[in-house]
């Protein structure tokens, strides 16, 4: 069968572990630091602004994804043998898409809030007063969880290999499942990617226009200018570098695999190899978006950089006090030391 002859198993088993381990190390470090900052801010004020609340949920979503990567690494380092059971296979598969699309929606929410803060500040203040950010976050989680739930019941390629090990994260080779995946893909492409991308581009265009031509609300623009600019750059970078190539290649990959399964593809493996390897690379770049979000927290999070500045000043002050204490001890009178 052509799909077996054109396998990229060796490529995946070398590419995925390296990429996932690097993303895991960078992601877990950045998100633990971010978690510490948000917890310290919450402990002082016992509340979070709506923007910071969206960021905390974005942090939780990314952290869940990052923590699932070691299981994927274990799979590919074990010669593509899954040892965590069929339920574990479905959960890891589900967690990936749950967290990817919740991250996308929280990015959209952040862009809308920053757009309102810069372009329509009075409406932004009213929204901050009346909008319940907790309900918005709950709605996003429930909406993505329910729309992604068909993945839990999808038939995966979990054929037993040896010692109760299974193949997981491999595309099934029967037409019905591939066609179901294509249907799911087309739906998630529109609802989970195209619409959010359009909203982010819309907000970015108006924010960029306002930054170039501030208008009468100069003070408000000056306060929000750097945060809005950082949000535009980081959000668009996440979509263009991470999400856009992955969604395009995922669609091309699924239709290619359907042709291969139906025997409609040519006998040459070159084009199949190209599509499959490109799908692997874009999947890694999509997962890498979780490393960009701590940068977003630093530049856009309200009081985030202020917290770090105070932390650094306190560290310098403590260091200076210790040095002065050491100097006083060195020049102190020996008789006084004995007393």
C-alpha atoms as a PDB file:
ATOM      1  CA  UNK A   1       0.000   0.000   0.000  1.00  0.00           C
ATOM      2  CA  UNK A   2       1.360   3.423  -0.934  1.00  0.00           C
ATOM      3  CA  UNK A   3       0.749   4.993   2.490  1.00  0.00           C
ATOM      4  CA  UNK A   4       2.921   2.340   4.143  1.00  0.00           C
ATOM      5  CA  UNK A   5       5.685   2.713   1.581  1.00  0.00           C
ATOM      6  CA  UNK A   6       5.682   6.497   2.023  1.00  0.00           C
ATOM      7  CA  UNK A   7       5.926   6.406   5.805  1.00  0.00           C
ATOM      8  CA  UNK A   8       7.790   9.228   7.617  1.00  0.00           C
ATOM      9  CA  UNK A   9       7.950   7.346  10.917  1.00  0.00           C
ATOM     10  CA  UNK A  10      11.688   7.969  11.358  1.00  0.00           C
ATOM     11  CA  UNK A  11      11.256  11.669  10.621  1.00  0.00           C
ATOM     12  CA  UNK A  12       8.504  12.028  13.237  1.00  0.00           C
ATOM     13  CA  UNK A  13      10.424  10.066  15.852  1.00  0.00           C
ATOM     14  CA  UNK A  14      13.409  12.390  15.451  1.00  0.00           C
ATOM     15  CA  UNK A  15      11.581  15.700  14.963  1.00  0.00           C
ATOM     16  CA  UNK A  16       8.819  15.556  17.562  1.00  0.00           C
ATOM     17  CA  UNK A  17      10.878  14.665  20.677  1.00  0.00           C
ATOM     18  CA  UNK A  18      13.419  17.446  20.058  1.00  0.00           C
ATOM     19  CA  UNK A  19      10.769  20.079  19.358  1.00  0.00           C
ATOM     20  CA  UNK A  20       8.439  19.028  22.174  1.00  0.00           C
ATOM     21  CA  UNK A  21      11.206  18.851  24.786  1.00  0.00           C
ATOM     22  CA  UNK A  22      12.481  22.307  23.846  1.00  0.00           C
ATOM     23  CA  UNK A  23       8.964  23.753  23.952  1.00  0.00           C
ATOM     24  CA  UNK A  24       8.311  22.000  27.273  1.00  0.00           C
ATOM     25  CA  UNK A  25      11.429  23.475  28.913  1.00  0.00           C
ATOM     26  CA  UNK A  26      10.827  27.006  27.635  1.00  0.00           C
ATOM     27  CA  UNK A  27       7.088  26.843  28.219  1.00  0.00           C
ATOM     28  CA  UNK A  28       7.164  25.451  31.749  1.00  0.00           C
ATOM     29  CA  UNK A  29       9.806  28.019  32.790  1.00  0.00           C
ATOM     30  CA  UNK A  30       7.956  31.004  31.350  1.00  0.00           C
ATOM     31  CA  UNK A  31       4.566  29.936  32.634  1.00  0.00           C
ATOM     32  CA  UNK A  32       5.756  29.143  36.159  1.00  0.00           C
ATOM     33  CA  UNK A  33       7.252  32.641  36.378  1.00  0.00           C
ATOM     34  CA  UNK A  34       4.010  34.105  35.022  1.00  0.00           C
ATOM     35  CA  UNK A  35       1.975  32.070  37.498  1.00  0.00           C
ATOM     36  CA  UNK A  36       4.085  33.372  40.382  1.00  0.00           C
ATOM     37  CA  UNK A  37       3.565  36.987  39.253  1.00  0.00           C
ATOM     38  CA  UNK A  38      -0.191  36.612  38.844  1.00  0.00           C
ATOM     39  CA  UNK A  39      -0.530  34.848  42.187  1.00  0.00           C
ATOM     40  CA  UNK A  40       1.470  37.605  43.912  1.00  0.00           C
ATOM     41  CA  UNK A  41      -0.708  40.285  42.315  1.00  0.00           C
ATOM     42  CA  UNK A  42      -3.893  38.461  43.322  1.00  0.00           C
ATOM     43  CA  UNK A  43      -2.655  37.954  46.900  1.00  0.00           C
ATOM     44  CA  UNK A  44      -2.141  41.709  47.315  1.00  0.00           C
ATOM     45  CA  UNK A  45      -5.385  42.912  45.721  1.00  0.00           C
ATOM     46  CA  UNK A  46      -7.581  39.797  46.038  1.00  0.00           C
ATOM     47  CA  UNK A  47      -8.872  40.547  42.538  1.00  0.00           C
ATOM     48  CA  UNK A  48      -7.732  40.686  38.909  1.00  0.00           C
ATOM     49  CA  UNK A  49      -8.707  43.061  36.127  1.00  0.00           C
ATOM     50  CA  UNK A  50     -10.630  41.603  33.193  1.00  0.00           C
ATOM     51  CA  UNK A  51      -7.520  41.720  31.008  1.00  0.00           C
ATOM     52  CA  UNK A  52      -5.415  39.915  33.598  1.00  0.00           C
ATOM     53  CA  UNK A  53      -8.226  37.399  34.131  1.00  0.00           C
ATOM     54  CA  UNK A  54      -8.137  36.538  30.424  1.00  0.00           C
ATOM     55  CA  UNK A  55      -4.366  36.206  30.685  1.00  0.00           C
ATOM     56  CA  UNK A  56      -4.606  33.853  33.655  1.00  0.00           C
ATOM     57  CA  UNK A  57      -6.956  31.606  31.663  1.00  0.00           C
ATOM     58  CA  UNK A  58      -4.620  31.794  28.684  1.00  0.00           C
ATOM     59  CA  UNK A  59      -1.825  30.771  31.048  1.00  0.00           C
ATOM     60  CA  UNK A  60      -3.834  27.792  32.331  1.00  0.00           C
ATOM     61  CA  UNK A  61      -4.657  26.689  28.795  1.00  0.00           C
ATOM     62  CA  UNK A  62      -1.038  26.848  27.660  1.00  0.00           C
ATOM     63  CA  UNK A  63       0.199  25.163  30.811  1.00  0.00           C
ATOM     64  CA  UNK A  64      -2.137  22.193  30.270  1.00  0.00           C
ATOM     65  CA  UNK A  65      -0.833  21.834  26.734  1.00  0.00           C
ATOM     66  CA  UNK A  66       2.805  22.099  27.810  1.00  0.00           C
ATOM     67  CA  UNK A  67       2.324  19.515  30.572  1.00  0.00           C
ATOM     68  CA  UNK A  68       0.899  17.026  28.040  1.00  0.00           C
ATOM     69  CA  UNK A  69       4.019  17.171  25.853  1.00  0.00           C
ATOM     70  CA  UNK A  70       6.122  14.675  27.886  1.00  0.00           C
ATOM     71  CA  UNK A  71       3.521  11.980  27.097  1.00  0.00           C
ATOM     72  CA  UNK A  72       3.918  12.690  23.391  1.00  0.00           C
ATOM     73  CA  UNK A  73       7.705  12.629  23.749  1.00  0.00           C
ATOM     74  CA  UNK A  74       7.502   9.268  25.508  1.00  0.00           C
ATOM     75  CA  UNK A  75       5.378   7.911  22.656  1.00  0.00           C
ATOM     76  CA  UNK A  76       7.828   8.864  19.912  1.00  0.00           C
ATOM     77  CA  UNK A  77      10.897   7.818  21.912  1.00  0.00           C
ATOM     78  CA  UNK A  78       9.258   4.401  22.461  1.00  0.00           C
ATOM     79  CA  UNK A  79       9.192   3.598  18.758  1.00  0.00           C
ATOM     80  CA  UNK A  80       5.654   4.996  18.400  1.00  0.00           C
ATOM     81  CA  UNK A  81       4.188   2.721  21.086  1.00  0.00           C
ATOM     82  CA  UNK A  82       1.602   4.180  23.458  1.00  0.00           C
ATOM     83  CA  UNK A  83       1.695   2.658  26.936  1.00  0.00           C
ATOM     84  CA  UNK A  84      -0.930   4.815  28.689  1.00  0.00           C
ATOM     85  CA  UNK A  85      -4.049   3.041  27.447  1.00  0.00           C
ATOM     86  CA  UNK A  86      -6.745   3.903  24.940  1.00  0.00           C
ATOM     87  CA  UNK A  87      -8.411   6.442  27.243  1.00  0.00           C
ATOM     88  CA  UNK A  88      -5.102   8.228  27.767  1.00  0.00           C
ATOM     89  CA  UNK A  89      -4.591   8.374  24.015  1.00  0.00           C
ATOM     90  CA  UNK A  90      -7.965  10.039  23.465  1.00  0.00           C
ATOM     91  CA  UNK A  91      -7.418  12.481  26.338  1.00  0.00           C
ATOM     92  CA  UNK A  92      -4.024  13.656  25.075  1.00  0.00           C
ATOM     93  CA  UNK A  93      -5.507  14.070  21.608  1.00  0.00           C
ATOM     94  CA  UNK A  94      -8.458  16.011  23.054  1.00  0.00           C
ATOM     95  CA  UNK A  95      -6.367  18.205  25.360  1.00  0.00           C
ATOM     96  CA  UNK A  96      -4.287  19.437  22.437  1.00  0.00           C
ATOM     97  CA  UNK A  97      -7.259  20.809  20.498  1.00  0.00           C
ATOM     98  CA  UNK A  98      -9.072  22.023  23.619  1.00  0.00           C
ATOM     99  CA  UNK A  99      -6.133  24.141  24.694  1.00  0.00           C
ATOM    100  CA  UNK A 100      -5.218  25.335  21.218  1.00  0.00           C
ATOM    101  CA  UNK A 101      -8.667  26.795  20.549  1.00  0.00           C
ATOM    102  CA  UNK A 102      -9.195  28.174  24.056  1.00  0.00           C
ATOM    103  CA  UNK A 103      -5.849  29.969  23.606  1.00  0.00           C
ATOM    104  CA  UNK A 104      -7.086  31.396  20.309  1.00  0.00           C
ATOM    105  CA  UNK A 105     -10.326  32.676  21.865  1.00  0.00           C
ATOM    106  CA  UNK A 106      -8.559  34.222  24.851  1.00  0.00           C
ATOM    107  CA  UNK A 107      -6.176  35.986  22.447  1.00  0.00           C
ATOM    108  CA  UNK A 108      -9.220  37.338  20.601  1.00  0.00           C
ATOM    109  CA  UNK A 109     -10.734  38.506  23.902  1.00  0.00           C
ATOM    110  CA  UNK A 110      -7.522  40.317  24.817  1.00  0.00           C
ATOM    111  CA  UNK A 111      -7.410  42.025  21.426  1.00  0.00           C
ATOM    112  CA  UNK A 112     -11.011  43.180  21.732  1.00  0.00           C
ATOM    113  CA  UNK A 113     -10.385  44.582  25.221  1.00  0.00           C
ATOM    114  CA  UNK A 114      -7.253  46.427  24.111  1.00  0.00           C
ATOM    115  CA  UNK A 115      -9.057  47.735  21.023  1.00  0.00           C
ATOM    116  CA  UNK A 116     -11.838  49.137  23.215  1.00  0.00           C
ATOM    117  CA  UNK A 117      -9.355  50.597  25.693  1.00  0.00           C
ATOM    118  CA  UNK A 118      -7.583  52.482  22.918  1.00  0.00           C
ATOM    119  CA  UNK A 119     -10.296  53.309  20.394  1.00  0.00           C
ATOM    120  CA  UNK A 120     -13.421  53.469  22.583  1.00  0.00           C
ATOM    121  CA  UNK A 121     -12.166  54.161  26.141  1.00  0.00           C
ATOM    122  CA  UNK A 122     -15.555  55.142  27.591  1.00  0.00           C
ATOM    123  CA  UNK A 123     -17.194  51.961  26.362  1.00  0.00           C
ATOM    124  CA  UNK A 124     -14.183  50.048  27.714  1.00  0.00           C
ATOM    125  CA  UNK A 125     -14.732  51.550  31.178  1.00  0.00           C
ATOM    126  CA  UNK A 126     -18.420  50.640  31.098  1.00  0.00           C
ATOM    127  CA  UNK A 127     -17.545  47.132  29.957  1.00  0.00           C
ATOM    128  CA  UNK A 128     -15.016  46.780  32.774  1.00  0.00           C
ATOM    129  CA  UNK A 129     -17.736  47.832  35.218  1.00  0.00           C
ATOM    130  CA  UNK A 130     -20.590  45.657  33.941  1.00  0.00           C
ATOM    131  CA  UNK A 131     -18.952  42.736  32.161  1.00  0.00           C
ATOM    132  CA  UNK A 132     -18.298  39.657  34.282  1.00  0.00           C
ATOM    133  CA  UNK A 133     -14.963  38.340  33.045  1.00  0.00           C
ATOM    134  CA  UNK A 134     -15.441  35.071  34.921  1.00  0.00           C
ATOM    135  CA  UNK A 135     -18.577  34.305  32.914  1.00  0.00           C
ATOM    136  CA  UNK A 136     -16.802  35.071  29.638  1.00  0.00           C
ATOM    137  CA  UNK A 137     -13.958  32.714  30.562  1.00  0.00           C
ATOM    138  CA  UNK A 138     -16.411  30.009  31.637  1.00  0.00           C
ATOM    139  CA  UNK A 139     -18.314  30.369  28.359  1.00  0.00           C
ATOM    140  CA  UNK A 140     -15.100  30.029  26.298  1.00  0.00           C
ATOM    141  CA  UNK A 141     -14.045  26.889  28.167  1.00  0.00           C
ATOM    142  CA  UNK A 142     -17.477  25.264  27.876  1.00  0.00           C
ATOM    143  CA  UNK A 143     -17.935  26.218  24.222  1.00  0.00           C
ATOM    144  CA  UNK A 144     -14.561  24.828  23.126  1.00  0.00           C
ATOM    145  CA  UNK A 145     -14.906  21.749  25.350  1.00  0.00           C
ATOM    146  CA  UNK A 146     -18.309  20.867  23.882  1.00  0.00           C
ATOM    147  CA  UNK A 147     -17.385  21.576  20.260  1.00  0.00           C
ATOM    148  CA  UNK A 148     -14.211  19.487  20.643  1.00  0.00           C
ATOM    149  CA  UNK A 149     -15.984  16.578  22.345  1.00  0.00           C
ATOM    150  CA  UNK A 150     -16.530  14.580  19.099  1.00  0.00           C
ATOM    151  CA  UNK A 151     -12.777  13.958  19.143  1.00  0.00           C
ATOM    152  CA  UNK A 152     -13.252  11.834  22.272  1.00  0.00           C
ATOM    153  CA  UNK A 153     -15.510   9.443  20.384  1.00  0.00           C
ATOM    154  CA  UNK A 154     -13.525   9.383  17.165  1.00  0.00           C
ATOM    155  CA  UNK A 155     -12.053   6.021  16.214  1.00  0.00           C
ATOM    156  CA  UNK A 156      -8.283   6.347  16.504  1.00  0.00           C
ATOM    157  CA  UNK A 157      -5.601   4.072  15.113  1.00  0.00           C
ATOM    158  CA  UNK A 158      -4.932   2.237  18.387  1.00  0.00           C
ATOM    159  CA  UNK A 159      -4.040  -1.215  17.113  1.00  0.00           C
ATOM    160  CA  UNK A 160      -2.221  -3.268  19.712  1.00  0.00           C
ATOM    161  CA  UNK A 161       1.466  -3.806  18.995  1.00  0.00           C
ATOM    162  CA  UNK A 162       3.110  -5.573  21.926  1.00  0.00           C
ATOM    163  CA  UNK A 163       2.839  -5.795  25.721  1.00  0.00           C
ATOM    164  CA  UNK A 164      -0.439  -3.858  25.821  1.00  0.00           C
ATOM    165  CA  UNK A 165       1.134  -1.008  23.808  1.00  0.00           C
ATOM    166  CA  UNK A 166      -0.855   0.805  21.156  1.00  0.00           C
ATOM    167  CA  UNK A 167      -0.302   3.071  18.205  1.00  0.00           C
ATOM    168  CA  UNK A 168      -1.606   6.508  19.104  1.00  0.00           C
ATOM    169  CA  UNK A 169      -1.611   9.894  17.344  1.00  0.00           C
ATOM    170  CA  UNK A 170      -1.546   8.140  13.988  1.00  0.00           C
ATOM    171  CA  UNK A 171      -4.131   8.891  11.335  1.00  0.00           C
ATOM    172  CA  UNK A 172      -6.484   5.918  10.723  1.00  0.00           C
ATOM    173  CA  UNK A 173      -6.214   4.490   7.243  1.00  0.00           C
ATOM    174  CA  UNK A 174      -9.925   3.932   6.620  1.00  0.00           C
ATOM    175  CA  UNK A 175     -11.962   6.407   4.587  1.00  0.00           C
ATOM    176  CA  UNK A 176     -14.879   6.930   6.946  1.00  0.00           C
ATOM    177  CA  UNK A 177     -12.750   8.251   9.803  1.00  0.00           C
ATOM    178  CA  UNK A 178     -10.701  10.470   7.487  1.00  0.00           C
ATOM    179  CA  UNK A 179     -13.889  11.941   6.013  1.00  0.00           C
ATOM    180  CA  UNK A 180     -15.183  12.593   9.539  1.00  0.00           C
ATOM    181  CA  UNK A 181     -11.926  14.347  10.383  1.00  0.00           C
ATOM    182  CA  UNK A 182     -12.242  16.465   7.235  1.00  0.00           C
ATOM    183  CA  UNK A 183     -15.753  17.517   8.290  1.00  0.00           C
ATOM    184  CA  UNK A 184     -14.502  18.411  11.783  1.00  0.00           C
ATOM    185  CA  UNK A 185     -11.530  20.236  10.282  1.00  0.00           C
ATOM    186  CA  UNK A 186     -13.683  22.341   7.955  1.00  0.00           C
ATOM    187  CA  UNK A 187     -15.922  23.359  10.853  1.00  0.00           C
ATOM    188  CA  UNK A 188     -13.083  24.219  13.230  1.00  0.00           C
ATOM    189  CA  UNK A 189     -11.262  26.082  10.449  1.00  0.00           C
ATOM    190  CA  UNK A 190     -14.131  28.540  10.127  1.00  0.00           C
ATOM    191  CA  UNK A 191     -15.272  28.828  13.747  1.00  0.00           C
ATOM    192  CA  UNK A 192     -11.958  28.265  15.513  1.00  0.00           C
ATOM    193  CA  UNK A 193      -9.518  30.002  13.180  1.00  0.00           C
ATOM    194  CA  UNK A 194     -10.932  32.101  10.321  1.00  0.00           C
ATOM    195  CA  UNK A 195     -13.416  34.076  12.452  1.00  0.00           C
ATOM    196  CA  UNK A 196     -10.872  34.718  15.280  1.00  0.00           C
ATOM    197  CA  UNK A 197      -8.247  35.727  12.706  1.00  0.00           C
ATOM    198  CA  UNK A 198     -10.699  38.171  11.094  1.00  0.00           C
ATOM    199  CA  UNK A 199     -11.491  39.690  14.511  1.00  0.00           C
ATOM    200  CA  UNK A 200      -7.812  40.065  15.389  1.00  0.00           C
ATOM    201  CA  UNK A 201      -6.997  41.636  12.014  1.00  0.00           C
ATOM    202  CA  UNK A 202      -9.974  43.993  12.438  1.00  0.00           C
ATOM    203  CA  UNK A 203      -8.819  45.078  15.898  1.00  0.00           C
ATOM    204  CA  UNK A 204      -5.192  45.349  14.771  1.00  0.00           C
ATOM    205  CA  UNK A 205      -6.020  47.573  11.796  1.00  0.00           C
ATOM    206  CA  UNK A 206      -8.012  50.021  13.921  1.00  0.00           C
ATOM    207  CA  UNK A 207      -5.440  49.992  16.705  1.00  0.00           C
ATOM    208  CA  UNK A 208      -2.615  50.626  14.226  1.00  0.00           C
ATOM    209  CA  UNK A 209      -4.612  53.441  12.623  1.00  0.00           C
ATOM    210  CA  UNK A 210      -5.251  55.014  16.018  1.00  0.00           C
ATOM    211  CA  UNK A 211      -1.596  54.725  16.995  1.00  0.00           C
ATOM    212  CA  UNK A 212      -0.600  56.545  13.814  1.00  0.00           C
ATOM    213  CA  UNK A 213      -3.317  59.202  14.207  1.00  0.00           C
ATOM    214  CA  UNK A 214      -4.115  59.530  17.918  1.00  0.00           C
ATOM    215  CA  UNK A 215      -6.743  62.242  17.632  1.00  0.00           C
ATOM    216  CA  UNK A 216      -8.005  64.234  20.635  1.00  0.00           C
ATOM    217  CA  UNK A 217      -7.621  61.483  23.277  1.00  0.00           C
ATOM    218  CA  UNK A 218      -3.846  61.907  23.306  1.00  0.00           C
ATOM    219  CA  UNK A 219      -3.371  61.068  26.979  1.00  0.00           C
ATOM    220  CA  UNK A 220      -5.304  57.804  26.771  1.00  0.00           C
ATOM    221  CA  UNK A 221      -3.441  56.809  23.622  1.00  0.00           C
ATOM    222  CA  UNK A 222      -0.091  57.579  25.258  1.00  0.00           C
ATOM    223  CA  UNK A 223      -0.920  55.377  28.249  1.00  0.00           C
ATOM    224  CA  UNK A 224      -2.073  52.421  26.128  1.00  0.00           C
ATOM    225  CA  UNK A 225       0.269  52.901  23.148  1.00  0.00           C
ATOM    226  CA  UNK A 226       3.011  50.437  24.058  1.00  0.00           C
ATOM    227  CA  UNK A 227       0.625  47.781  25.328  1.00  0.00           C
ATOM    228  CA  UNK A 228      -1.558  48.016  22.233  1.00  0.00           C
ATOM    229  CA  UNK A 229       1.447  47.868  19.914  1.00  0.00           C
ATOM    230  CA  UNK A 230       2.887  44.838  21.731  1.00  0.00           C
ATOM    231  CA  UNK A 231      -0.465  43.050  21.655  1.00  0.00           C
ATOM    232  CA  UNK A 232      -0.842  43.652  17.898  1.00  0.00           C
ATOM    233  CA  UNK A 233       2.657  42.355  17.130  1.00  0.00           C
ATOM    234  CA  UNK A 234       2.536  39.283  19.384  1.00  0.00           C
ATOM    235  CA  UNK A 235      -1.023  38.257  18.484  1.00  0.00           C
ATOM    236  CA  UNK A 236      -0.511  38.583  14.745  1.00  0.00           C
ATOM    237  CA  UNK A 237       2.818  36.770  15.050  1.00  0.00           C
ATOM    238  CA  UNK A 238       1.106  33.889  16.861  1.00  0.00           C
ATOM    239  CA  UNK A 239      -1.511  33.579  14.145  1.00  0.00           C
ATOM    240  CA  UNK A 240       0.774  34.072  11.136  1.00  0.00           C
ATOM    241  CA  UNK A 241       3.725  32.001  12.355  1.00  0.00           C
ATOM    242  CA  UNK A 242       2.026  29.357  14.495  1.00  0.00           C
ATOM    243  CA  UNK A 243      -1.658  28.910  13.649  1.00  0.00           C
ATOM    244  CA  UNK A 244      -1.979  29.833   9.971  1.00  0.00           C
ATOM    245  CA  UNK A 245       0.594  27.356   8.519  1.00  0.00           C
ATOM    246  CA  UNK A 246      -0.747  24.574  10.742  1.00  0.00           C
ATOM    247  CA  UNK A 247      -4.382  25.006   9.704  1.00  0.00           C
ATOM    248  CA  UNK A 248      -3.507  25.246   6.021  1.00  0.00           C
ATOM    249  CA  UNK A 249      -1.254  22.187   6.103  1.00  0.00           C
ATOM    250  CA  UNK A 250      -3.715  20.211   8.231  1.00  0.00           C
ATOM    251  CA  UNK A 251      -6.356  20.693   5.543  1.00  0.00           C
ATOM    252  CA  UNK A 252      -3.964  19.775   2.726  1.00  0.00           C
ATOM    253  CA  UNK A 253      -2.729  16.772   4.714  1.00  0.00           C
ATOM    254  CA  UNK A 254      -6.211  15.366   5.364  1.00  0.00           C
ATOM    255  CA  UNK A 255      -7.286  15.636   1.725  1.00  0.00           C
ATOM    256  CA  UNK A 256      -3.996  14.080   0.617  1.00  0.00           C
ATOM    257  CA  UNK A 257      -4.473  11.177   3.028  1.00  0.00           C
ATOM    258  CA  UNK A 258      -8.016  10.693   1.746  1.00  0.00           C
ATOM    259  CA  UNK A 259      -6.709  10.433  -1.812  1.00  0.00           C
ATOM    260  CA  UNK A 260      -4.040   7.974  -0.678  1.00  0.00           C
ATOM    261  CA  UNK A 261      -6.631   5.888   1.147  1.00  0.00           C
ATOM    262  CA  UNK A 262      -8.844   5.849  -1.971  1.00  0.00           C
ATOM    263  CA  UNK A 263      -5.920   4.955  -4.219  1.00  0.00           C
ATOM    264  CA  UNK A 264      -6.337   8.164  -6.241  1.00  0.00           C
ATOM    265  CA  UNK A 265      -2.865   9.477  -5.547  1.00  0.00           C
ATOM    266  CA  UNK A 266       0.031   8.972  -7.936  1.00  0.00           C
ATOM    267  CA  UNK A 267       2.561   6.233  -7.266  1.00  0.00           C
ATOM    268  CA  UNK A 268       5.324   8.718  -6.442  1.00  0.00           C
ATOM    269  CA  UNK A 269       6.071   9.228  -2.762  1.00  0.00           C
ATOM    270  CA  UNK A 270       7.788  12.602  -3.213  1.00  0.00           C
ATOM    271  CA  UNK A 271       4.637  14.712  -2.929  1.00  0.00           C
ATOM    272  CA  UNK A 272       3.256  12.569  -0.092  1.00  0.00           C
ATOM    273  CA  UNK A 273       6.519  12.880   1.852  1.00  0.00           C
ATOM    274  CA  UNK A 274       6.485  16.643   1.318  1.00  0.00           C
ATOM    275  CA  UNK A 275       2.933  17.030   2.629  1.00  0.00           C
ATOM    276  CA  UNK A 276       3.458  14.723   5.611  1.00  0.00           C
ATOM    277  CA  UNK A 277       6.744  16.334   6.662  1.00  0.00           C
ATOM    278  CA  UNK A 278       5.279  19.816   6.266  1.00  0.00           C
ATOM    279  CA  UNK A 279       2.367  18.743   8.491  1.00  0.00           C
ATOM    280  CA  UNK A 280       4.853  17.620  11.166  1.00  0.00           C
ATOM    281  CA  UNK A 281       6.823  20.884  11.029  1.00  0.00           C
ATOM    282  CA  UNK A 282       3.725  23.090  11.165  1.00  0.00           C
ATOM    283  CA  UNK A 283       2.351  21.058  14.075  1.00  0.00           C
ATOM    284  CA  UNK A 284       5.549  21.794  16.008  1.00  0.00           C
ATOM    285  CA  UNK A 285       5.287  25.491  15.161  1.00  0.00           C
ATOM    286  CA  UNK A 286       1.659  25.485  16.322  1.00  0.00           C
ATOM    287  CA  UNK A 287       2.596  23.985  19.699  1.00  0.00           C
ATOM    288  CA  UNK A 288       5.361  26.596  20.005  1.00  0.00           C
ATOM    289  CA  UNK A 289       2.749  29.336  20.421  1.00  0.00           C
ATOM    290  CA  UNK A 290       2.662  28.439  24.122  1.00  0.00           C
ATOM    291  CA  UNK A 291       6.185  29.894  24.442  1.00  0.00           C
ATOM    292  CA  UNK A 292       5.077  33.284  23.071  1.00  0.00           C
ATOM    293  CA  UNK A 293       2.378  33.948  25.628  1.00  0.00           C
ATOM    294  CA  UNK A 294       4.703  34.715  28.604  1.00  0.00           C
ATOM    295  CA  UNK A 295       6.162  37.471  26.393  1.00  0.00           C
ATOM    296  CA  UNK A 296       2.610  38.711  25.888  1.00  0.00           C
ATOM    297  CA  UNK A 297       2.052  38.723  29.656  1.00  0.00           C
ATOM    298  CA  UNK A 298       5.169  40.830  30.212  1.00  0.00           C
ATOM    299  CA  UNK A 299       4.382  43.505  27.624  1.00  0.00           C
ATOM    300  CA  UNK A 300       0.595  43.657  27.860  1.00  0.00           C
ATOM    301  CA  UNK A 301      -0.366  42.468  31.343  1.00  0.00           C
ATOM    302  CA  UNK A 302      -1.625  45.235  33.573  1.00  0.00           C
ATOM    303  CA  UNK A 303       0.848  45.904  36.435  1.00  0.00           C
ATOM    304  CA  UNK A 304       2.993  43.018  35.159  1.00  0.00           C
ATOM    305  CA  UNK A 305       6.139  45.001  34.400  1.00  0.00           C
ATOM    306  CA  UNK A 306       5.502  47.158  37.477  1.00  0.00           C
ATOM    307  CA  UNK A 307       5.686  44.001  39.589  1.00  0.00           C
ATOM    308  CA  UNK A 308       9.050  43.059  38.071  1.00  0.00           C
ATOM    309  CA  UNK A 309      10.400  46.599  38.523  1.00  0.00           C
ATOM    310  CA  UNK A 310       9.435  46.575  42.211  1.00  0.00           C
ATOM    311  CA  UNK A 311      10.923  43.109  42.590  1.00  0.00           C
ATOM    312  CA  UNK A 312      14.225  44.242  41.068  1.00  0.00           C
ATOM    313  CA  UNK A 313      14.308  47.419  43.180  1.00  0.00           C
ATOM    314  CA  UNK A 314      13.640  45.394  46.324  1.00  0.00           C
ATOM    315  CA  UNK A 315      16.431  42.974  45.373  1.00  0.00           C
ATOM    316  CA  UNK A 316      18.872  45.853  44.837  1.00  0.00           C
ATOM    317  CA  UNK A 317      17.809  47.416  48.132  1.00  0.00           C
ATOM    318  CA  UNK A 318      18.316  44.138  50.018  1.00  0.00           C
ATOM    319  CA  UNK A 319      21.701  43.653  48.347  1.00  0.00           C
ATOM    320  CA  UNK A 320      22.768  47.192  49.293  1.00  0.00           C
ATOM    321  CA  UNK A 321      21.663  46.706  52.903  1.00  0.00           C
ATOM    322  CA  UNK A 322      23.630  43.463  53.143  1.00  0.00           C
ATOM    323  CA  UNK A 323      26.759  45.146  51.769  1.00  0.00           C
ATOM    324  CA  UNK A 324      26.439  48.078  54.156  1.00  0.00           C
ATOM    325  CA  UNK A 325      25.937  45.643  57.033  1.00  0.00           C
ATOM    326  CA  UNK A 326      29.075  43.754  56.046  1.00  0.00           C
ATOM    327  CA  UNK A 327      31.052  47.002  55.818  1.00  0.00           C
ATOM    328  CA  UNK A 328      29.884  48.118  59.279  1.00  0.00           C
ATOM    329  CA  UNK A 329      30.879  44.742  60.684  1.00  0.00           C
ATOM    330  CA  UNK A 330      34.346  44.974  59.112  1.00  0.00           C
ATOM    331  CA  UNK A 331      35.082  48.448  60.531  1.00  0.00           C
ATOM    332  CA  UNK A 332      33.441  47.952  63.906  1.00  0.00           C
ATOM    333  CA  UNK A 333      35.521  48.369  67.100  1.00  0.00           C
ATOM    334  CA  UNK A 334      36.705  44.935  68.391  1.00  0.00           C
ATOM    335  CA  UNK A 335      35.895  46.022  71.961  1.00  0.00           C
ATOM    336  CA  UNK A 336      32.293  46.762  70.921  1.00  0.00           C
ATOM    337  CA  UNK A 337      32.087  43.418  69.161  1.00  0.00           C
ATOM    338  CA  UNK A 338      33.045  41.676  72.369  1.00  0.00           C
ATOM    339  CA  UNK A 339      30.409  43.608  74.274  1.00  0.00           C
END
